[in-house]
Protein backbone atom coordinates (compact mmCIF):
# COMPACT_ATOMS: atom_id res chain seq x y z
CA MET A 1 40.77 102.79 84.88
CA GLU A 2 41.55 105.83 82.59
CA LYS A 3 42.43 108.04 85.73
CA ILE A 4 45.24 105.53 86.56
CA ILE A 5 46.61 105.33 83.17
CA GLU A 6 46.86 109.19 83.04
CA GLU A 7 48.39 109.33 86.40
CA HIS A 8 51.28 106.73 85.47
CA LEU A 9 51.70 108.60 82.15
CA ARG A 10 51.93 112.09 84.01
CA LYS A 11 54.37 110.72 86.81
CA SER A 12 56.72 109.58 83.76
CA ILE A 13 56.41 113.02 82.07
CA GLU A 14 56.78 114.84 85.19
CA LEU A 15 60.13 112.90 86.10
CA LYS A 16 61.63 113.36 82.36
CA SER A 17 60.71 117.00 82.65
CA LYS A 18 62.66 117.19 85.90
CA ILE A 19 65.79 115.74 84.32
CA LEU A 20 65.28 118.10 81.28
CA ASN A 21 65.35 121.12 83.50
CA ASP A 22 68.16 120.11 85.71
CA LEU A 23 71.38 121.32 83.94
CA SER A 24 73.73 119.07 86.04
CA LEU A 25 71.84 115.84 85.03
CA LEU A 26 72.16 117.03 81.48
CA THR A 27 75.86 117.57 81.94
CA ILE A 28 76.28 114.16 83.36
CA ILE A 29 74.40 112.62 80.41
CA LYS A 30 76.88 114.62 78.22
CA GLU A 31 79.85 113.34 80.30
CA MET A 32 78.73 109.66 80.18
CA SER A 33 78.35 109.79 76.34
CA LEU A 34 81.62 111.33 75.70
CA ALA A 35 83.27 108.76 78.08
CA ILE A 36 81.82 106.14 75.94
CA ILE A 37 82.63 107.78 72.69
CA GLU A 38 86.31 108.16 73.71
CA ALA A 39 86.64 104.50 74.41
CA TYR A 40 85.26 103.40 71.29
CA GLN A 41 87.60 105.83 69.60
CA ASN A 42 90.33 104.23 71.51
CA LYS A 43 89.21 100.62 70.21
CA LYS A 44 87.77 99.79 73.77
CA LYS A 45 84.53 98.32 74.82
CA LEU A 46 81.23 98.96 76.55
CA ILE A 47 80.21 96.48 79.58
CA LEU A 48 76.87 96.96 81.29
CA PHE A 49 74.97 95.04 84.22
CA GLY A 50 72.26 95.19 86.65
CA ASN A 51 69.60 93.02 88.23
CA GLY A 52 66.01 92.30 87.24
CA GLY A 53 64.79 95.09 85.00
CA SER A 54 68.19 96.73 84.98
CA ALA A 55 69.52 93.44 83.61
CA ALA A 56 67.01 93.74 80.75
CA ASP A 57 68.07 97.40 80.23
CA ALA A 58 71.61 96.38 80.13
CA GLN A 59 71.05 93.78 77.49
CA HIS A 60 68.82 95.90 75.71
CA ILE A 61 71.54 98.74 75.19
CA ALA A 62 74.36 96.21 74.56
CA ALA A 63 72.11 94.87 71.70
CA GLU A 64 71.45 98.63 70.36
CA LEU A 65 75.41 99.24 70.12
CA VAL A 66 76.25 95.91 68.74
CA ASN A 67 73.51 95.46 66.34
CA ARG A 68 72.45 99.33 65.45
CA PHE A 69 70.41 101.86 66.98
CA GLU A 70 69.35 104.14 64.28
CA LEU A 71 72.05 104.39 61.72
CA GLU A 72 73.30 101.53 59.45
CA ARG A 73 77.08 101.27 60.69
CA MET A 74 79.67 98.96 62.03
CA ALA A 75 78.98 96.95 65.02
CA LEU A 76 80.21 98.46 68.43
CA PRO A 77 81.69 96.13 71.23
CA ALA A 78 79.01 96.13 74.00
CA ILE A 79 78.82 93.14 76.52
CA ALA A 80 75.74 92.55 78.95
CA LEU A 81 77.26 90.59 81.81
CA THR A 82 73.51 89.42 82.51
CA THR A 83 73.21 87.00 79.69
CA ASP A 84 75.20 83.74 80.31
CA THR A 85 73.32 81.72 82.93
CA SER A 86 76.11 79.21 83.35
CA ILE A 87 78.66 81.97 84.25
CA LEU A 88 75.96 83.62 86.44
CA THR A 89 74.94 80.62 88.44
CA SER A 90 78.33 79.10 88.89
CA ILE A 91 79.68 82.33 90.40
CA ALA A 92 76.66 82.65 92.64
CA ASN A 93 77.19 78.74 93.61
CA ASP A 94 80.96 79.10 94.18
CA TYR A 95 81.24 82.18 95.85
CA ASP A 96 78.08 84.24 96.35
CA TYR A 97 75.52 86.27 94.30
CA SER A 98 77.18 89.44 95.26
CA ARG A 99 80.11 88.44 93.15
CA VAL A 100 78.54 87.70 89.86
CA PHE A 101 79.40 91.09 88.08
CA ALA A 102 82.74 91.53 89.76
CA ARG A 103 84.21 88.20 88.49
CA GLN A 104 83.20 88.62 85.05
CA ILE A 105 84.68 92.23 85.24
CA GLU A 106 87.90 90.62 86.40
CA ALA A 107 87.93 88.36 83.22
CA LEU A 108 86.67 90.66 80.73
CA ALA A 109 87.49 94.40 81.61
CA GLU A 110 90.59 96.34 80.33
CA GLU A 111 91.96 99.60 81.23
CA GLY A 112 90.09 102.15 79.06
CA ASP A 113 86.89 100.16 78.93
CA VAL A 114 83.81 101.83 80.17
CA VAL A 115 81.68 99.85 82.59
CA ILE A 116 77.99 100.88 83.27
CA GLY A 117 76.22 99.59 86.44
CA ILE A 118 72.38 100.03 86.91
CA SER A 119 70.80 99.94 90.11
CA THR A 120 67.48 101.67 90.82
CA SER A 121 68.25 101.61 94.42
CA GLY A 122 71.87 102.05 94.29
CA ALA A 123 72.22 99.52 97.01
CA SER A 124 72.70 96.44 94.85
CA LEU A 125 75.93 94.70 96.34
CA SER A 126 76.60 92.70 92.98
CA VAL A 127 76.28 96.07 91.10
CA ILE A 128 78.51 97.92 93.55
CA LYS A 129 81.14 95.30 93.58
CA GLY A 130 81.13 94.90 89.89
CA VAL A 131 81.61 98.82 89.50
CA GLU A 132 84.59 98.69 92.38
CA ALA A 133 86.25 95.81 90.23
CA ALA A 134 85.93 97.89 87.15
CA ARG A 135 87.56 100.61 88.85
CA GLU A 136 90.38 98.44 90.17
CA LYS A 137 91.04 97.29 86.33
CA GLY A 138 91.33 100.92 85.25
CA ALA A 139 87.93 101.27 83.51
CA LYS A 140 85.91 104.35 83.68
CA THR A 141 82.88 103.31 85.76
CA ILE A 142 79.24 104.84 85.37
CA GLY A 143 76.23 104.40 87.62
CA LEU A 144 72.85 104.85 86.88
CA THR A 145 70.52 104.91 89.87
CA GLY A 146 67.42 106.58 91.81
CA LYS A 147 67.69 109.37 94.12
CA ASN A 148 68.72 107.39 96.93
CA GLY A 149 71.86 105.67 95.34
CA ALA A 150 74.47 106.94 97.55
CA GLU A 151 76.37 103.65 97.77
CA LEU A 152 76.60 103.25 94.15
CA ALA A 153 77.19 106.95 93.70
CA ARG A 154 80.36 106.29 95.83
CA ALA A 155 81.62 103.60 93.80
CA ALA A 156 81.35 105.00 90.48
CA ASP A 157 83.27 107.80 88.59
CA LEU A 158 80.17 109.21 86.96
CA VAL A 159 76.82 108.74 88.45
CA LEU A 160 73.40 109.91 87.21
CA LYS A 161 70.89 109.82 90.13
CA VAL A 162 67.35 110.02 88.58
CA PRO A 163 65.40 112.23 91.09
CA SER A 164 62.83 109.85 92.05
CA SER A 165 62.52 106.65 94.50
CA ASP A 166 59.74 105.09 92.31
CA THR A 167 61.37 102.02 90.89
CA PRO A 168 59.31 101.81 87.53
CA ARG A 169 59.79 105.54 86.76
CA ILE A 170 63.52 105.39 87.49
CA GLN A 171 63.80 102.31 85.06
CA GLU A 172 61.90 104.63 82.35
CA ALA A 173 64.23 107.29 82.80
CA HIS A 174 67.30 105.09 82.66
CA ILE A 175 66.27 103.53 79.34
CA THR A 176 65.54 107.07 77.87
CA ILE A 177 68.78 108.28 78.97
CA LEU A 178 70.52 105.26 77.75
CA HIS A 179 68.63 105.71 74.38
CA ILE A 180 69.85 109.32 74.21
CA ILE A 181 73.41 107.97 74.62
CA CYS A 182 73.19 105.49 72.08
CA TYR A 183 72.12 108.39 69.60
CA LEU A 184 74.99 110.66 70.66
CA ILE A 185 77.36 107.72 70.10
CA GLU A 186 76.21 107.02 66.79
CA LYS A 187 76.02 110.78 65.78
CA LYS A 188 79.47 111.35 66.89
CA LEU A 189 81.31 108.31 65.46
CA PHE A 190 79.07 107.63 62.41
CA SER A 191 77.55 111.05 61.01
């Protein structure tokens, strides 16, 4: 059992080390952070979405920004499109599940907002359609995916492809990256 625990921790550390040592990935994290900071400086909002564990990550980061991450500060506008079951189920029922985020983007996104779509595979049709709808509205779009996320990469303005195809490790990297972005936002806007 100890060997299994060690193996999982080692895989997580190795993946984060790959990210740490890839200047292009660090540059993308910086660009994503700057895009969100600029949106907040221009009185715009952040909208996030994903399915499954990525839905939980979207909600988690929205909470960090609306409430607080590390600093006592004013609330920042961040919306996770994964939380309203009435909206999600009505869109899935009246249209189909692939439209659950796009339809909400049509209602909520504005030019200058930043929209983050999270999909470990990069092939989630609901996430891709949501990102495409955001681009049509004039929002800056960000995709977080794994190394095989070519479809999401084509749809978003900025894409961070975690160099792995192991879903749990991708999710761990995504939340680490999103926490770094939260930290950078607070440091720039409130320090």
